[in-house]
Amino acid sequence: MTKKRLTHIIGVLLISTLALTACGGSDAEPTPMMDPNLIQTQAVETFSAALTQTALAAPSNTPLPTLTPAPTFPVLPTNTVGAPLNTLATATSNATTASCYGMAFVSDVTIPDNTQMTPGQTFTKTWKVKNSGTCAWDAGFKFAFTGGNAMNGTAYTLPSAVAAGAVLDISITMTAPATAGKVQSNWRMSTAGGQFFGNEVYVIIVVGGATVTATNTSAPPTATPTSTSTPTATPTTQ
């Protein structure tokens, strides 16, 4: 309600009061004049009550509740399409099986360390080794080159199984390089799938500076002519 309306109400009340006073008879008991200040006070109180009722009737702007984000749950792992469900079990099984293999070096059967060789010389290195694991070596396991200089040696494949605890000799044929110096070749046992295990063994040779000259031994030896002296007759005197 505005100030203009309040003024209007006060004016109406004053006019009504004056009208009632003028309409009274001479015999009637005079109506006492209302105090204008009291009328204004009543008008203000009426206006305040109207404002209060208007405020109560008007809808209040209630703040909306704050939305709490829903808890985030970890994404569950999904199985890859086509992948076997027992992949983890298989990997664990393979690791356990591989740990039961072992190979231990026993001794050098041939070509001890720092053996002197001539450039291009062919030799056979033999190691004595032991199956130090708890599982047998299967046929198809390979004794293969792992580092250094292979010196033309090739992997040796087990022709048959080797029981746990068994000792055997493994030989590799090699050729000394043409360059002089110390040469090392490292070898180790592996499964058929190429998983190495056990001790790594090696051979060390020292190549000299002389070059090997091939000698053809298939041709018959050439006869060396020898000079013979013819005896001279000594004349005799008579």
C-alpha atoms as a PDB file:
ATOM      1  CA  MET A   1       0.000   0.000   0.000  1.00  0.00           C
ATOM      2  CA  THR A   2       1.455   3.433  -1.053  1.00  0.00           C
ATOM      3  CA  LYS A   3       1.669   6.750   0.752  1.00  0.00           C
ATOM      4  CA  LYS A   4      -0.931   8.201  -1.601  1.00  0.00           C
ATOM      5  CA  ARG A   5      -3.446   5.526  -0.590  1.00  0.00           C
ATOM      6  CA  LEU A   6      -2.763   6.135   3.102  1.00  0.00           C
ATOM      7  CA  THR A   7      -3.527   9.825   2.647  1.00  0.00           C
ATOM      8  CA  HIS A   8      -6.761   8.913   0.890  1.00  0.00           C
ATOM      9  CA  ILE A   9      -7.884   6.692   3.770  1.00  0.00           C
ATOM     10  CA  ILE A  10      -7.192   9.402   6.313  1.00  0.00           C
ATOM     11  CA  GLY A  11      -9.221  11.897   4.245  1.00  0.00           C
ATOM     12  CA  VAL A  12     -12.159   9.531   4.013  1.00  0.00           C
ATOM     13  CA  LEU A  13     -12.183   8.997   7.773  1.00  0.00           C
ATOM     14  CA  LEU A  14     -12.129  12.748   8.431  1.00  0.00           C
ATOM     15  CA  ILE A  15     -14.991  13.406   6.032  1.00  0.00           C
ATOM     16  CA  SER A  16     -17.047  10.591   7.583  1.00  0.00           C
ATOM     17  CA  THR A  17     -16.533  12.020  11.017  1.00  0.00           C
ATOM     18  CA  LEU A  18     -17.604  15.476   9.984  1.00  0.00           C
ATOM     19  CA  ALA A  19     -20.689  14.102   8.237  1.00  0.00           C
ATOM     20  CA  LEU A  20     -21.838  12.214  11.305  1.00  0.00           C
ATOM     21  CA  THR A  21     -21.399  15.296  13.428  1.00  0.00           C
ATOM     22  CA  ALA A  22     -23.428  17.491  11.073  1.00  0.00           C
ATOM     23  CA  CYS A  23     -26.310  15.020  10.813  1.00  0.00           C
ATOM     24  CA  GLY A  24     -27.022  15.004  14.580  1.00  0.00           C
ATOM     25  CA  GLY A  25     -30.276  16.813  15.804  1.00  0.00           C
ATOM     26  CA  SER A  26     -30.326  19.731  18.166  1.00  0.00           C
ATOM     27  CA  ASP A  27     -31.830  17.551  20.777  1.00  0.00           C
ATOM     28  CA  ALA A  28     -29.281  14.863  20.302  1.00  0.00           C
ATOM     29  CA  GLU A  29     -26.338  14.683  22.522  1.00  0.00           C
ATOM     30  CA  PRO A  30     -23.362  16.158  20.694  1.00  0.00           C
ATOM     31  CA  THR A  31     -20.926  13.636  19.394  1.00  0.00           C
ATOM     32  CA  PRO A  32     -17.471  14.378  20.536  1.00  0.00           C
ATOM     33  CA  MET A  33     -15.017  15.297  17.757  1.00  0.00           C
ATOM     34  CA  MET A  34     -12.376  12.641  17.153  1.00  0.00           C
ATOM     35  CA  ASP A  35      -8.847  13.743  17.488  1.00  0.00           C
ATOM     36  CA  PRO A  36      -7.223  13.943  13.996  1.00  0.00           C
ATOM     37  CA  ASN A  37      -3.965  12.565  15.443  1.00  0.00           C
ATOM     38  CA  LEU A  38      -5.830   9.514  16.745  1.00  0.00           C
ATOM     39  CA  ILE A  39      -7.411   9.014  13.311  1.00  0.00           C
ATOM     40  CA  GLN A  40      -3.987   9.202  11.673  1.00  0.00           C
ATOM     41  CA  THR A  41      -2.584   6.710  14.217  1.00  0.00           C
ATOM     42  CA  GLN A  42      -5.422   4.242  13.529  1.00  0.00           C
ATOM     43  CA  ALA A  43      -4.889   4.658   9.813  1.00  0.00           C
ATOM     44  CA  VAL A  44      -1.172   3.898  10.176  1.00  0.00           C
ATOM     45  CA  GLU A  45      -1.924   0.806  12.282  1.00  0.00           C
ATOM     46  CA  THR A  46      -4.436  -0.372   9.655  1.00  0.00           C
ATOM     47  CA  PHE A  47      -1.863   0.183   6.930  1.00  0.00           C
ATOM     48  CA  SER A  48       0.803  -1.778   8.912  1.00  0.00           C
ATOM     49  CA  ALA A  49      -1.603  -4.674   9.479  1.00  0.00           C
ATOM     50  CA  ALA A  50      -2.371  -4.739   5.753  1.00  0.00           C
ATOM     51  CA  LEU A  51       1.334  -4.862   4.940  1.00  0.00           C
ATOM     52  CA  THR A  52       1.818  -7.717   7.399  1.00  0.00           C
ATOM     53  CA  GLN A  53      -1.028  -9.742   5.887  1.00  0.00           C
ATOM     54  CA  THR A  54       0.330  -9.063   2.384  1.00  0.00           C
ATOM     55  CA  ALA A  55       3.798 -10.281   3.406  1.00  0.00           C
ATOM     56  CA  LEU A  56       2.352 -13.458   4.918  1.00  0.00           C
ATOM     57  CA  ALA A  57       0.268 -14.148   1.829  1.00  0.00           C
ATOM     58  CA  ALA A  58       3.133 -13.605  -0.624  1.00  0.00           C
ATOM     59  CA  PRO A  59       5.167 -16.723  -1.469  1.00  0.00           C
ATOM     60  CA  SER A  60       8.637 -16.752   0.025  1.00  0.00           C
ATOM     61  CA  ASN A  61      11.713 -17.336  -2.103  1.00  0.00           C
ATOM     62  CA  THR A  62      12.926 -20.480  -0.419  1.00  0.00           C
ATOM     63  CA  PRO A  63      16.417 -21.426  -1.687  1.00  0.00           C
ATOM     64  CA  LEU A  64      16.536 -24.702  -3.569  1.00  0.00           C
ATOM     65  CA  PRO A  65      18.339 -27.553  -1.826  1.00  0.00           C
ATOM     66  CA  THR A  66      21.939 -28.061  -2.880  1.00  0.00           C
ATOM     67  CA  LEU A  67      22.359 -31.189  -4.946  1.00  0.00           C
ATOM     68  CA  THR A  68      24.963 -33.506  -3.457  1.00  0.00           C
ATOM     69  CA  PRO A  69      26.925 -35.385  -6.140  1.00  0.00           C
ATOM     70  CA  ALA A  70      26.357 -39.098  -6.071  1.00  0.00           C
ATOM     71  CA  PRO A  71      29.334 -41.172  -4.847  1.00  0.00           C
ATOM     72  CA  THR A  72      31.582 -42.429  -7.608  1.00  0.00           C
ATOM     73  CA  PHE A  73      32.007 -46.183  -7.637  1.00  0.00           C
ATOM     74  CA  PRO A  74      35.182 -47.786  -9.095  1.00  0.00           C
ATOM     75  CA  VAL A  75      34.751 -49.302 -12.509  1.00  0.00           C
ATOM     76  CA  LEU A  76      34.746 -53.055 -12.322  1.00  0.00           C
ATOM     77  CA  PRO A  77      37.271 -54.773 -14.615  1.00  0.00           C
ATOM     78  CA  THR A  78      35.719 -56.310 -17.661  1.00  0.00           C
ATOM     79  CA  ASN A  79      36.899 -59.460 -19.321  1.00  0.00           C
ATOM     80  CA  THR A  80      38.319 -58.879 -22.793  1.00  0.00           C
ATOM     81  CA  VAL A  81      36.171 -60.475 -25.440  1.00  0.00           C
ATOM     82  CA  GLY A  82      37.758 -63.696 -26.559  1.00  0.00           C
ATOM     83  CA  ALA A  83      40.344 -63.785 -23.744  1.00  0.00           C
ATOM     84  CA  PRO A  84      40.275 -66.958 -21.621  1.00  0.00           C
ATOM     85  CA  LEU A  85      39.093 -66.478 -18.062  1.00  0.00           C
ATOM     86  CA  ASN A  86      41.986 -68.545 -16.726  1.00  0.00           C
ATOM     87  CA  THR A  87      44.750 -66.344 -18.198  1.00  0.00           C
ATOM     88  CA  LEU A  88      45.952 -65.273 -14.769  1.00  0.00           C
ATOM     89  CA  ALA A  89      45.909 -68.830 -13.495  1.00  0.00           C
ATOM     90  CA  THR A  90      47.871 -69.995 -16.528  1.00  0.00           C
ATOM     91  CA  ALA A  91      50.518 -67.301 -16.088  1.00  0.00           C
ATOM     92  CA  THR A  92      50.900 -68.195 -12.411  1.00  0.00           C
ATOM     93  CA  SER A  93      51.188 -71.856 -13.287  1.00  0.00           C
ATOM     94  CA  ASN A  94      53.888 -71.137 -15.883  1.00  0.00           C
ATOM     95  CA  ALA A  95      55.871 -69.064 -13.403  1.00  0.00           C
ATOM     96  CA  THR A  96      55.676 -71.835 -10.824  1.00  0.00           C
ATOM     97  CA  THR A  97      56.727 -74.459 -13.339  1.00  0.00           C
ATOM     98  CA  ALA A  98      59.635 -72.356 -14.632  1.00  0.00           C
ATOM     99  CA  SER A  99      60.956 -71.918 -11.093  1.00  0.00           C
ATOM    100  CA  CYS A 100      61.488 -75.657 -10.739  1.00  0.00           C
ATOM    101  CA  TYR A 101      64.116 -75.702 -13.520  1.00  0.00           C
ATOM    102  CA  GLY A 102      67.790 -75.287 -12.692  1.00  0.00           C
ATOM    103  CA  MET A 103      71.237 -75.896 -14.163  1.00  0.00           C
ATOM    104  CA  ALA A 104      74.543 -75.813 -12.275  1.00  0.00           C
ATOM    105  CA  PHE A 105      78.067 -75.740 -13.720  1.00  0.00           C
ATOM    106  CA  VAL A 106      80.189 -78.699 -12.628  1.00  0.00           C
ATOM    107  CA  SER A 107      83.473 -78.441 -14.533  1.00  0.00           C
ATOM    108  CA  ASP A 108      85.239 -77.715 -17.825  1.00  0.00           C
ATOM    109  CA  VAL A 109      85.781 -80.988 -19.640  1.00  0.00           C
ATOM    110  CA  THR A 110      87.731 -79.425 -22.523  1.00  0.00           C
ATOM    111  CA  ILE A 111      89.291 -76.042 -23.328  1.00  0.00           C
ATOM    112  CA  PRO A 112      90.001 -74.571 -19.889  1.00  0.00           C
ATOM    113  CA  ASP A 113      89.965 -70.807 -19.537  1.00  0.00           C
ATOM    114  CA  ASN A 114      92.621 -68.824 -21.454  1.00  0.00           C
ATOM    115  CA  THR A 115      93.513 -71.701 -23.768  1.00  0.00           C
ATOM    116  CA  GLN A 116      95.786 -70.470 -26.572  1.00  0.00           C
ATOM    117  CA  MET A 117      94.274 -70.682 -30.047  1.00  0.00           C
ATOM    118  CA  THR A 118      95.433 -69.675 -33.494  1.00  0.00           C
ATOM    119  CA  PRO A 119      93.158 -67.516 -35.698  1.00  0.00           C
ATOM    120  CA  GLY A 120      90.549 -69.640 -37.450  1.00  0.00           C
ATOM    121  CA  GLN A 121      91.241 -72.730 -35.341  1.00  0.00           C
ATOM    122  CA  THR A 122      88.253 -75.035 -34.838  1.00  0.00           C
ATOM    123  CA  PHE A 123      87.732 -76.562 -31.409  1.00  0.00           C
ATOM    124  CA  THR A 124      85.029 -78.288 -29.367  1.00  0.00           C
ATOM    125  CA  LYS A 125      84.172 -76.926 -25.956  1.00  0.00           C
ATOM    126  CA  THR A 126      82.575 -79.369 -23.508  1.00  0.00           C
ATOM    127  CA  TRP A 127      81.000 -78.427 -20.181  1.00  0.00           C
ATOM    128  CA  LYS A 128      79.865 -80.821 -17.471  1.00  0.00           C
ATOM    129  CA  VAL A 129      76.595 -79.552 -16.041  1.00  0.00           C
ATOM    130  CA  LYS A 130      73.931 -80.783 -13.627  1.00  0.00           C
ATOM    131  CA  ASN A 131      70.165 -80.539 -13.623  1.00  0.00           C
ATOM    132  CA  SER A 132      69.977 -78.788 -10.239  1.00  0.00           C
ATOM    133  CA  GLY A 133      66.219 -78.206 -10.368  1.00  0.00           C
ATOM    134  CA  THR A 134      63.315 -80.326  -9.190  1.00  0.00           C
ATOM    135  CA  CYS A 135      61.849 -80.829 -12.671  1.00  0.00           C
ATOM    136  CA  ALA A 136      63.250 -82.849 -15.547  1.00  0.00           C
ATOM    137  CA  TRP A 137      64.513 -81.077 -18.653  1.00  0.00           C
ATOM    138  CA  ASP A 138      62.258 -82.043 -21.501  1.00  0.00           C
ATOM    139  CA  ALA A 139      63.456 -83.144 -24.908  1.00  0.00           C
ATOM    140  CA  GLY A 140      63.626 -80.021 -27.048  1.00  0.00           C
ATOM    141  CA  PHE A 141      65.231 -77.824 -24.388  1.00  0.00           C
ATOM    142  CA  LYS A 142      68.090 -75.788 -25.858  1.00  0.00           C
ATOM    143  CA  PHE A 143      71.592 -74.958 -24.686  1.00  0.00           C
ATOM    144  CA  ALA A 144      72.000 -71.616 -26.478  1.00  0.00           C
ATOM    145  CA  PHE A 145      74.387 -68.684 -26.911  1.00  0.00           C
ATOM    146  CA  THR A 146      73.629 -65.705 -24.637  1.00  0.00           C
ATOM    147  CA  GLY A 147      76.479 -63.220 -25.010  1.00  0.00           C
ATOM    148  CA  GLY A 148      80.025 -62.423 -26.056  1.00  0.00           C
ATOM    149  CA  ASN A 149      81.229 -64.002 -29.308  1.00  0.00           C
ATOM    150  CA  ALA A 150      79.394 -67.095 -30.538  1.00  0.00           C
ATOM    151  CA  MET A 151      82.451 -68.067 -32.640  1.00  0.00           C
ATOM    152  CA  ASN A 152      80.124 -69.800 -35.124  1.00  0.00           C
ATOM    153  CA  GLY A 153      78.708 -72.069 -32.414  1.00  0.00           C
ATOM    154  CA  THR A 154      75.076 -73.180 -32.744  1.00  0.00           C
ATOM    155  CA  ALA A 155      72.528 -74.102 -30.073  1.00  0.00           C
ATOM    156  CA  TYR A 156      72.422 -77.669 -28.823  1.00  0.00           C
ATOM    157  CA  THR A 157      68.950 -79.235 -28.550  1.00  0.00           C
ATOM    158  CA  LEU A 158      68.388 -81.979 -25.998  1.00  0.00           C
ATOM    159  CA  PRO A 159      67.439 -85.179 -27.845  1.00  0.00           C
ATOM    160  CA  SER A 160      65.816 -86.694 -24.730  1.00  0.00           C
ATOM    161  CA  ALA A 161      64.685 -85.750 -21.243  1.00  0.00           C
ATOM    162  CA  VAL A 162      67.225 -85.216 -18.459  1.00  0.00           C
ATOM    163  CA  ALA A 163      66.042 -86.159 -14.981  1.00  0.00           C
ATOM    164  CA  ALA A 164      66.419 -83.862 -11.990  1.00  0.00           C
ATOM    165  CA  GLY A 165      69.833 -84.361 -10.389  1.00  0.00           C
ATOM    166  CA  ALA A 166      71.367 -85.923 -13.500  1.00  0.00           C
ATOM    167  CA  VAL A 167      74.810 -84.845 -14.766  1.00  0.00           C
ATOM    168  CA  LEU A 168      75.699 -84.656 -18.449  1.00  0.00           C
ATOM    169  CA  ASP A 169      78.310 -83.252 -20.842  1.00  0.00           C
ATOM    170  CA  ILE A 170      77.279 -80.668 -23.399  1.00  0.00           C
ATOM    171  CA  SER A 171      79.596 -79.905 -26.320  1.00  0.00           C
ATOM    172  CA  ILE A 172      79.603 -76.983 -28.763  1.00  0.00           C
ATOM    173  CA  THR A 173      81.890 -76.782 -31.785  1.00  0.00           C
ATOM    174  CA  MET A 174      83.374 -73.310 -32.383  1.00  0.00           C
ATOM    175  CA  THR A 175      85.932 -71.526 -34.523  1.00  0.00           C
ATOM    176  CA  ALA A 176      88.410 -69.003 -33.148  1.00  0.00           C
ATOM    177  CA  PRO A 177      88.073 -65.560 -34.741  1.00  0.00           C
ATOM    178  CA  ALA A 178      90.743 -64.158 -37.052  1.00  0.00           C
ATOM    179  CA  THR A 179      91.446 -61.197 -34.750  1.00  0.00           C
ATOM    180  CA  ALA A 180      94.033 -61.698 -32.024  1.00  0.00           C
ATOM    181  CA  GLY A 181      93.055 -61.217 -28.388  1.00  0.00           C
ATOM    182  CA  LYS A 182      90.970 -62.712 -25.586  1.00  0.00           C
ATOM    183  CA  VAL A 183      87.540 -63.968 -26.652  1.00  0.00           C
ATOM    184  CA  GLN A 184      84.643 -65.085 -24.430  1.00  0.00           C
ATOM    185  CA  SER A 185      81.467 -66.927 -25.368  1.00  0.00           C
ATOM    186  CA  ASN A 186      78.516 -67.308 -22.915  1.00  0.00           C
ATOM    187  CA  TRP A 187      75.927 -70.113 -23.020  1.00  0.00           C
ATOM    188  CA  ARG A 188      72.880 -71.113 -20.996  1.00  0.00           C
ATOM    189  CA  MET A 189      70.062 -73.665 -20.875  1.00  0.00           C
ATOM    190  CA  SER A 190      66.522 -72.644 -21.877  1.00  0.00           C
ATOM    191  CA  THR A 191      63.111 -74.193 -22.288  1.00  0.00           C
ATOM    192  CA  ALA A 192      61.788 -75.014 -25.739  1.00  0.00           C
ATOM    193  CA  GLY A 193      59.942 -71.683 -25.589  1.00  0.00           C
ATOM    194  CA  GLY A 194      63.180 -69.738 -25.014  1.00  0.00           C
ATOM    195  CA  GLN A 195      62.964 -69.103 -21.252  1.00  0.00           C
ATOM    196  CA  PHE A 196      66.517 -69.232 -19.852  1.00  0.00           C
ATOM    197  CA  PHE A 197      67.287 -70.645 -16.417  1.00  0.00           C
ATOM    198  CA  GLY A 198      70.187 -71.787 -14.255  1.00  0.00           C
ATOM    199  CA  ASN A 199      73.878 -70.866 -14.388  1.00  0.00           C
ATOM    200  CA  GLU A 200      75.409 -69.147 -17.404  1.00  0.00           C
ATOM    201  CA  VAL A 201      78.589 -70.932 -18.469  1.00  0.00           C
ATOM    202  CA  TYR A 202      81.323 -69.666 -20.789  1.00  0.00           C
ATOM    203  CA  VAL A 203      84.536 -70.431 -22.611  1.00  0.00           C
ATOM    204  CA  ILE A 204      87.516 -68.059 -22.795  1.00  0.00           C
ATOM    205  CA  ILE A 205      90.291 -68.442 -25.365  1.00  0.00           C
ATOM    206  CA  VAL A 206      93.292 -66.329 -26.274  1.00  0.00           C
ATOM    207  CA  VAL A 207      93.840 -65.958 -29.987  1.00  0.00           C
ATOM    208  CA  GLY A 208      97.460 -65.502 -31.072  1.00  0.00           C
ATOM    209  CA  GLY A 209      98.790 -63.343 -33.882  1.00  0.00           C
ATOM    210  CA  ALA A 210      99.837 -66.104 -36.264  1.00  0.00           C
ATOM    211  CA  THR A 211      97.530 -67.073 -39.102  1.00  0.00           C
ATOM    212  CA  VAL A 212      96.700 -70.702 -39.643  1.00  0.00           C
ATOM    213  CA  THR A 213      97.949 -71.968 -43.019  1.00  0.00           C
ATOM    214  CA  ALA A 214      95.845 -74.739 -44.373  1.00  0.00           C
ATOM    215  CA  THR A 215      97.865 -77.818 -45.228  1.00  0.00           C
ATOM    216  CA  ASN A 216      96.617 -80.219 -47.882  1.00  0.00           C
ATOM    217  CA  THR A 217      97.163 -83.649 -46.412  1.00  0.00           C
ATOM    218  CA  SER A 218      95.226 -85.551 -49.040  1.00  0.00           C
ATOM    219  CA  ALA A 219      97.999 -85.466 -51.715  1.00  0.00           C
ATOM    220  CA  PRO A 220     100.820 -88.033 -51.493  1.00  0.00           C
ATOM    221  CA  PRO A 221     104.142 -86.692 -50.275  1.00  0.00           C
ATOM    222  CA  THR A 222     106.537 -85.526 -52.989  1.00  0.00           C
ATOM    223  CA  ALA A 223     109.759 -87.528 -53.179  1.00  0.00           C
ATOM    224  CA  THR A 224     112.859 -85.453 -52.667  1.00  0.00           C
ATOM    225  CA  PRO A 225     115.648 -86.462 -55.051  1.00  0.00           C
ATOM    226  CA  THR A 226     118.979 -87.334 -53.442  1.00  0.00           C
ATOM    227  CA  SER A 227     122.352 -87.120 -55.154  1.00  0.00           C
ATOM    228  CA  THR A 228     124.377 -90.294 -55.418  1.00  0.00           C
ATOM    229  CA  SER A 229     128.146 -90.409 -56.051  1.00  0.00           C
ATOM    230  CA  THR A 230     129.549 -92.776 -58.654  1.00  0.00           C
ATOM    231  CA  PRO A 231     132.608 -94.578 -57.407  1.00  0.00           C
ATOM    232  CA  THR A 232     135.723 -93.819 -59.432  1.00  0.00           C
ATOM    233  CA  ALA A 233     138.106 -96.630 -60.157  1.00  0.00           C
ATOM    234  CA  THR A 234     141.628 -95.998 -59.066  1.00  0.00           C
ATOM    235  CA  PRO A 235     144.193 -97.251 -61.560  1.00  0.00           C
ATOM    236  CA  THR A 236     146.681 -99.717 -60.254  1.00  0.00           C
ATOM    237  CA  THR A 237     150.360 -99.721 -61.063  1.00  0.00           C
ATOM    238  CA  GLN A 238     152.300-102.755 -61.844  1.00  0.00           C
END
